[in-house]
């Protein structure tokens, strides 16, 4: 599930790439028009929560070279 969540987030936030633009993804995001509910919450301190299929994963994130990098 973690890999799927990371892939979804990377696709959603690909336009917010670059070290100076990391602040563009801060806040709570929700997938619309999808058969499954997914939310992502990105904090300014580099921590985040992803919730999907009744599961929540907490970890750290950063944007590197146009990709969202996730670690737990």
Protein backbone atom coordinates (compact mmCIF):
# COMPACT_ATOMS: atom_id res chain seq x y z
CA UNK A 1 0.00 0.00 0.00
CA UNK A 2 2.83 2.40 0.80
CA UNK A 3 4.25 2.18 -2.73
CA UNK A 4 0.82 2.82 -4.23
CA UNK A 5 0.30 5.86 -2.01
CA UNK A 6 3.70 7.27 -2.93
CA UNK A 7 3.03 6.75 -6.63
CA UNK A 8 -0.33 8.50 -6.38
CA UNK A 9 1.17 11.42 -4.49
CA UNK A 10 4.02 11.74 -6.96
CA UNK A 11 1.54 11.92 -9.82
CA UNK A 12 -0.66 14.45 -8.01
CA UNK A 13 2.14 16.79 -7.06
CA UNK A 14 4.50 16.48 -10.00
CA UNK A 15 3.78 20.07 -10.98
CA UNK A 16 4.98 21.28 -7.58
CA UNK A 17 8.58 20.17 -8.07
CA UNK A 18 11.76 21.96 -7.08
CA UNK A 19 13.29 22.90 -3.78
CA UNK A 20 11.86 26.43 -3.85
CA UNK A 21 8.39 25.16 -4.63
CA UNK A 22 8.03 22.61 -1.82
CA UNK A 23 5.74 25.02 0.01
CA UNK A 24 3.19 24.67 -2.82
CA UNK A 25 2.12 21.22 -1.60
CA UNK A 26 1.70 22.19 2.06
CA UNK A 27 -1.73 21.50 3.52
CA UNK A 28 -4.40 18.86 3.18
CA UNK A 29 -5.19 17.35 -0.23
CA UNK A 30 -8.03 15.04 -1.17
CA UNK A 31 -8.49 12.97 -4.33
CA UNK A 32 -11.77 13.75 -6.07
CA UNK A 33 -13.78 11.67 -8.56
CA UNK A 34 -12.07 8.46 -7.54
CA UNK A 35 -13.60 5.13 -6.49
CA UNK A 36 -11.45 5.21 -3.34
CA UNK A 37 -10.97 8.02 -0.85
CA UNK A 38 -7.42 9.23 -0.38
CA UNK A 39 -6.08 12.19 1.56
CA UNK A 40 -2.58 13.53 1.98
CA UNK A 41 -1.46 16.12 4.50
CA UNK A 42 1.94 17.79 4.06
CA UNK A 43 3.46 19.85 6.88
CA UNK A 44 6.14 22.52 6.62
CA UNK A 45 8.53 20.50 8.81
CA UNK A 46 8.79 17.73 6.19
CA UNK A 47 6.34 15.33 7.84
CA UNK A 48 3.22 14.00 6.14
CA UNK A 49 0.28 11.63 6.52
CA UNK A 50 -1.34 9.62 3.75
CA UNK A 51 -4.72 7.98 4.32
CA UNK A 52 -6.15 5.44 1.89
CA UNK A 53 -8.38 2.36 2.18
CA UNK A 54 -8.82 2.95 5.92
CA UNK A 55 -5.06 2.94 6.56
CA UNK A 56 -2.88 5.89 7.55
CA UNK A 57 0.85 6.05 6.86
CA UNK A 58 3.01 8.69 8.52
CA UNK A 59 6.44 9.63 7.29
CA UNK A 60 8.73 12.30 5.92
CA UNK A 61 8.84 13.76 2.44
CA UNK A 62 10.98 15.98 0.26
CA UNK A 63 11.03 17.01 -3.37
CA UNK A 64 14.17 15.93 -5.24
CA UNK A 65 14.79 16.36 -8.93
CA UNK A 66 11.13 16.51 -9.86
CA UNK A 67 10.06 13.58 -7.67
CA UNK A 68 8.37 13.28 -4.31
CA UNK A 69 10.63 11.17 -2.06
CA UNK A 70 8.90 9.44 0.87
CA UNK A 71 10.52 7.82 3.91
CA UNK A 72 9.17 6.33 7.13
